[in-house]
Amino acid sequence: MTWIINRTSQFEKNYKNLGPYLKEKFKSNFSKFLIDYKTSSLNTHKLKWKLSNYYSSKIDYDYRFITLIDFQSDTITLVNIWNHSIYK
């Protein structure tokens, strides 16, 4: 499957502020995500409450990236990337 990838301005801003290690880790994990978003190493899970349409996936112990997946249009929107404080 070929995905259409979109990025929010919040994602772009936070990604720009990540260090080189986290950027490389994200690229590696996002490549895995594109192949199989449910792969266990990413610990991807659907969020709850006001974020119930979004998915969270692991970059490392503390950092996550948030996505919105539209399976009908094969679109993934990268919503945010940061540590656990992004849930607040």
N, C-alpha and C. Protein backbone atom coordinates (compact mmCIF):
# COMPACT_ATOMS: atom_id res chain seq x y z
N MET A 1 0.83 -1.18 0.00
CA MET A 1 0.00 0.00 0.00
C MET A 1 0.88 1.25 0.00
N THR A 2 0.47 2.23 -0.75
CA THR A 2 1.17 3.51 -0.77
C THR A 2 0.34 4.51 0.01
N TRP A 3 0.98 5.11 0.99
CA TRP A 3 0.30 6.08 1.85
C TRP A 3 0.56 7.50 1.37
N ILE A 4 -0.40 8.36 1.58
CA ILE A 4 -0.22 9.80 1.42
C ILE A 4 0.12 10.32 2.82
N ILE A 5 1.22 11.03 2.93
CA ILE A 5 1.68 11.51 4.24
C ILE A 5 1.49 13.02 4.32
N ASN A 6 0.78 13.47 5.35
CA ASN A 6 0.61 14.89 5.66
C ASN A 6 1.25 15.17 7.01
N ARG A 7 1.65 16.42 7.21
CA ARG A 7 2.23 16.85 8.48
C ARG A 7 1.56 18.13 8.93
N THR A 8 1.20 18.19 10.22
CA THR A 8 0.65 19.44 10.75
C THR A 8 1.80 20.40 11.06
N SER A 9 1.46 21.66 11.20
CA SER A 9 2.49 22.65 11.54
C SER A 9 3.07 22.36 12.93
N GLN A 10 2.25 21.84 13.83
CA GLN A 10 2.75 21.48 15.18
C GLN A 10 3.78 20.36 15.08
N PHE A 11 3.51 19.36 14.26
CA PHE A 11 4.48 18.29 14.05
C PHE A 11 5.79 18.86 13.50
N GLU A 12 5.69 19.68 12.46
CA GLU A 12 6.88 20.26 11.83
C GLU A 12 7.71 21.05 12.85
N LYS A 13 7.03 21.85 13.66
CA LYS A 13 7.72 22.67 14.66
C LYS A 13 8.45 21.80 15.68
N ASN A 14 7.75 20.80 16.22
CA ASN A 14 8.37 19.95 17.23
C ASN A 14 9.46 19.05 16.65
N TYR A 15 9.26 18.56 15.43
CA TYR A 15 10.28 17.73 14.79
C TYR A 15 11.57 18.52 14.62
N LYS A 16 11.44 19.76 14.20
CA LYS A 16 12.60 20.63 13.99
C LYS A 16 13.42 20.80 15.27
N ASN A 17 12.75 20.76 16.42
CA ASN A 17 13.42 20.97 17.70
C ASN A 17 14.00 19.69 18.31
N LEU A 18 13.78 18.55 17.67
CA LEU A 18 14.36 17.29 18.18
C LEU A 18 15.85 17.24 17.89
N GLY A 19 16.57 16.52 18.74
CA GLY A 19 17.99 16.29 18.50
C GLY A 19 18.19 15.25 17.40
N PRO A 20 19.43 15.11 16.90
CA PRO A 20 19.72 14.17 15.81
C PRO A 20 19.36 12.72 16.14
N TYR A 21 19.61 12.29 17.38
CA TYR A 21 19.30 10.90 17.76
C TYR A 21 17.81 10.62 17.61
N LEU A 22 16.96 11.52 18.14
CA LEU A 22 15.51 11.31 18.07
C LEU A 22 14.99 11.41 16.64
N LYS A 23 15.58 12.28 15.83
CA LYS A 23 15.17 12.36 14.43
C LYS A 23 15.45 11.05 13.70
N GLU A 24 16.62 10.49 13.92
CA GLU A 24 16.96 9.21 13.28
C GLU A 24 16.08 8.08 13.79
N LYS A 25 15.84 8.07 15.10
CA LYS A 25 14.96 7.07 15.69
C LYS A 25 13.55 7.17 15.11
N PHE A 26 13.05 8.41 14.96
CA PHE A 26 11.74 8.60 14.37
C PHE A 26 11.70 8.06 12.94
N LYS A 27 12.69 8.41 12.13
CA LYS A 27 12.71 7.95 10.74
C LYS A 27 12.69 6.42 10.67
N SER A 28 13.46 5.79 11.51
CA SER A 28 13.51 4.33 11.54
C SER A 28 12.15 3.75 11.95
N ASN A 29 11.58 4.28 13.02
CA ASN A 29 10.30 3.77 13.51
C ASN A 29 9.14 4.10 12.57
N PHE A 30 9.20 5.26 11.94
CA PHE A 30 8.13 5.60 11.01
C PHE A 30 8.17 4.70 9.77
N SER A 31 9.36 4.30 9.36
CA SER A 31 9.47 3.33 8.26
C SER A 31 8.79 2.02 8.63
N LYS A 32 8.99 1.57 9.85
CA LYS A 32 8.30 0.36 10.34
C LYS A 32 6.79 0.58 10.38
N PHE A 33 6.40 1.75 10.82
CA PHE A 33 4.98 2.11 10.92
C PHE A 33 4.31 2.02 9.55
N LEU A 34 4.97 2.49 8.52
CA LEU A 34 4.40 2.47 7.18
C LEU A 34 4.21 1.05 6.65
N ILE A 35 5.06 0.15 7.09
CA ILE A 35 4.93 -1.25 6.68
C ILE A 35 3.81 -1.94 7.45
N ASP A 36 3.81 -1.73 8.77
CA ASP A 36 2.78 -2.34 9.63
C ASP A 36 2.65 -1.50 10.90
N TYR A 37 1.64 -0.66 10.93
CA TYR A 37 1.50 0.25 12.07
C TYR A 37 1.25 -0.47 13.39
N LYS A 38 0.86 -1.75 13.32
CA LYS A 38 0.59 -2.52 14.53
C LYS A 38 1.80 -3.31 15.03
N THR A 39 2.95 -3.14 14.40
CA THR A 39 4.12 -3.89 14.83
C THR A 39 4.39 -3.65 16.31
N SER A 40 4.68 -4.71 17.02
CA SER A 40 4.77 -4.62 18.49
C SER A 40 5.89 -3.70 18.97
N SER A 41 6.95 -3.55 18.23
CA SER A 41 8.06 -2.71 18.68
C SER A 41 7.69 -1.23 18.78
N LEU A 42 6.61 -0.83 18.11
CA LEU A 42 6.17 0.58 18.15
C LEU A 42 5.16 0.85 19.25
N ASN A 43 4.60 -0.21 19.81
CA ASN A 43 3.59 -0.07 20.85
C ASN A 43 2.48 0.91 20.42
N THR A 44 2.06 0.81 19.18
CA THR A 44 1.00 1.69 18.66
C THR A 44 -0.33 1.34 19.30
N HIS A 45 -1.03 2.36 19.74
CA HIS A 45 -2.34 2.15 20.33
C HIS A 45 -3.23 3.34 20.03
N LYS A 46 -4.51 3.06 19.98
CA LYS A 46 -5.50 4.11 19.75
C LYS A 46 -5.69 4.88 21.05
N LEU A 47 -5.76 6.18 20.93
CA LEU A 47 -5.92 7.02 22.11
C LEU A 47 -7.38 7.10 22.51
N LYS A 48 -7.64 7.67 23.67
CA LYS A 48 -8.99 7.74 24.22
C LYS A 48 -9.42 9.19 24.44
N TRP A 49 -10.63 9.33 24.83
CA TRP A 49 -11.26 10.60 25.16
C TRP A 49 -11.22 11.55 23.98
N LYS A 50 -10.74 12.76 24.19
CA LYS A 50 -10.80 13.76 23.13
C LYS A 50 -9.85 13.46 21.97
N LEU A 51 -8.94 12.50 22.16
CA LEU A 51 -8.02 12.11 21.08
C LEU A 51 -8.37 10.74 20.51
N SER A 52 -9.61 10.34 20.60
CA SER A 52 -10.01 8.97 20.29
C SER A 52 -9.84 8.56 18.82
N ASN A 53 -9.66 9.51 17.93
CA ASN A 53 -9.44 9.15 16.52
C ASN A 53 -7.96 9.05 16.17
N TYR A 54 -7.10 9.23 17.15
CA TYR A 54 -5.66 9.29 16.91
C TYR A 54 -4.95 8.05 17.44
N TYR A 55 -3.74 7.83 16.90
CA TYR A 55 -2.89 6.73 17.34
C TYR A 55 -1.58 7.29 17.87
N SER A 56 -1.05 6.64 18.88
CA SER A 56 0.24 7.00 19.44
C SER A 56 1.21 5.85 19.18
N SER A 57 2.43 6.20 18.76
CA SER A 57 3.46 5.19 18.50
C SER A 57 4.77 5.63 19.14
N LYS A 58 5.55 4.65 19.53
CA LYS A 58 6.78 4.89 20.28
C LYS A 58 7.94 5.28 19.37
N ILE A 59 8.72 6.27 19.83
CA ILE A 59 10.01 6.57 19.23
C ILE A 59 11.09 5.97 20.13
N ASP A 60 11.03 6.32 21.41
CA ASP A 60 11.89 5.70 22.42
C ASP A 60 11.10 5.66 23.72
N TYR A 61 11.77 5.46 24.83
CA TYR A 61 11.08 5.31 26.11
C TYR A 61 10.15 6.47 26.41
N ASP A 62 10.58 7.69 26.13
CA ASP A 62 9.80 8.87 26.51
C ASP A 62 9.07 9.55 25.35
N TYR A 63 9.57 9.42 24.14
CA TYR A 63 9.02 10.18 23.02
C TYR A 63 8.06 9.36 22.17
N ARG A 64 7.01 10.03 21.68
CA ARG A 64 5.96 9.41 20.89
C ARG A 64 5.64 10.28 19.68
N PHE A 65 5.06 9.66 18.67
CA PHE A 65 4.48 10.45 17.59
C PHE A 65 3.01 10.09 17.48
N ILE A 66 2.20 11.11 17.21
CA ILE A 66 0.75 10.97 17.13
C ILE A 66 0.34 11.06 15.67
N THR A 67 -0.50 10.12 15.26
CA THR A 67 -0.96 10.09 13.87
C THR A 67 -2.48 10.02 13.81
N LEU A 68 -2.98 10.46 12.68
CA LEU A 68 -4.38 10.28 12.33
C LEU A 68 -4.37 9.48 11.04
N ILE A 69 -5.00 8.32 11.05
CA ILE A 69 -4.97 7.42 9.90
C ILE A 69 -6.36 7.38 9.26
N ASP A 70 -6.40 7.69 7.99
CA ASP A 70 -7.64 7.58 7.22
C ASP A 70 -7.46 6.41 6.26
N PHE A 71 -8.05 5.28 6.60
CA PHE A 71 -7.86 4.06 5.81
C PHE A 71 -8.59 4.13 4.47
N GLN A 72 -9.62 4.91 4.39
CA GLN A 72 -10.36 5.01 3.12
C GLN A 72 -9.59 5.77 2.06
N SER A 73 -8.85 6.79 2.47
CA SER A 73 -8.08 7.57 1.50
C SER A 73 -6.58 7.25 1.55
N ASP A 74 -6.22 6.25 2.37
CA ASP A 74 -4.80 5.86 2.52
C ASP A 74 -3.93 7.05 2.89
N THR A 75 -4.41 7.82 3.86
CA THR A 75 -3.71 9.02 4.30
C THR A 75 -3.31 8.90 5.76
N ILE A 76 -2.06 9.26 6.03
CA ILE A 76 -1.57 9.35 7.40
C ILE A 76 -1.18 10.80 7.64
N THR A 77 -1.74 11.38 8.70
CA THR A 77 -1.35 12.73 9.09
C THR A 77 -0.51 12.63 10.35
N LEU A 78 0.71 13.15 10.26
CA LEU A 78 1.57 13.24 11.43
C LEU A 78 1.13 14.48 12.19
N VAL A 79 0.52 14.25 13.35
CA VAL A 79 -0.12 15.32 14.10
C VAL A 79 0.84 16.01 15.06
N ASN A 80 1.62 15.20 15.78
CA ASN A 80 2.53 15.78 16.77
C ASN A 80 3.62 14.77 17.08
N ILE A 81 4.70 15.28 17.63
CA ILE A 81 5.82 14.45 18.04
C ILE A 81 6.46 15.13 19.24
N TRP A 82 6.56 14.40 20.34
CA TRP A 82 7.15 14.99 21.54
C TRP A 82 7.15 13.93 22.63
N ASN A 83 7.42 14.35 23.86
CA ASN A 83 7.40 13.40 24.97
C ASN A 83 5.96 13.22 25.46
N HIS A 84 5.77 12.52 26.56
CA HIS A 84 4.42 12.21 27.01
C HIS A 84 3.56 13.44 27.30
N SER A 85 4.15 14.60 27.42
CA SER A 85 3.36 15.81 27.69
C SER A 85 2.44 16.17 26.53
N ILE A 86 2.63 15.57 25.35
CA ILE A 86 1.75 15.89 24.22
C ILE A 86 0.32 15.44 24.46
N TYR A 87 0.12 14.55 25.41
CA TYR A 87 -1.25 14.07 25.70
C TYR A 87 -2.04 15.09 26.50
N LYS A 88 -1.39 16.05 27.07
CA LYS A 88 -2.06 17.00 27.96
C LYS A 88 -2.57 18.21 27.21
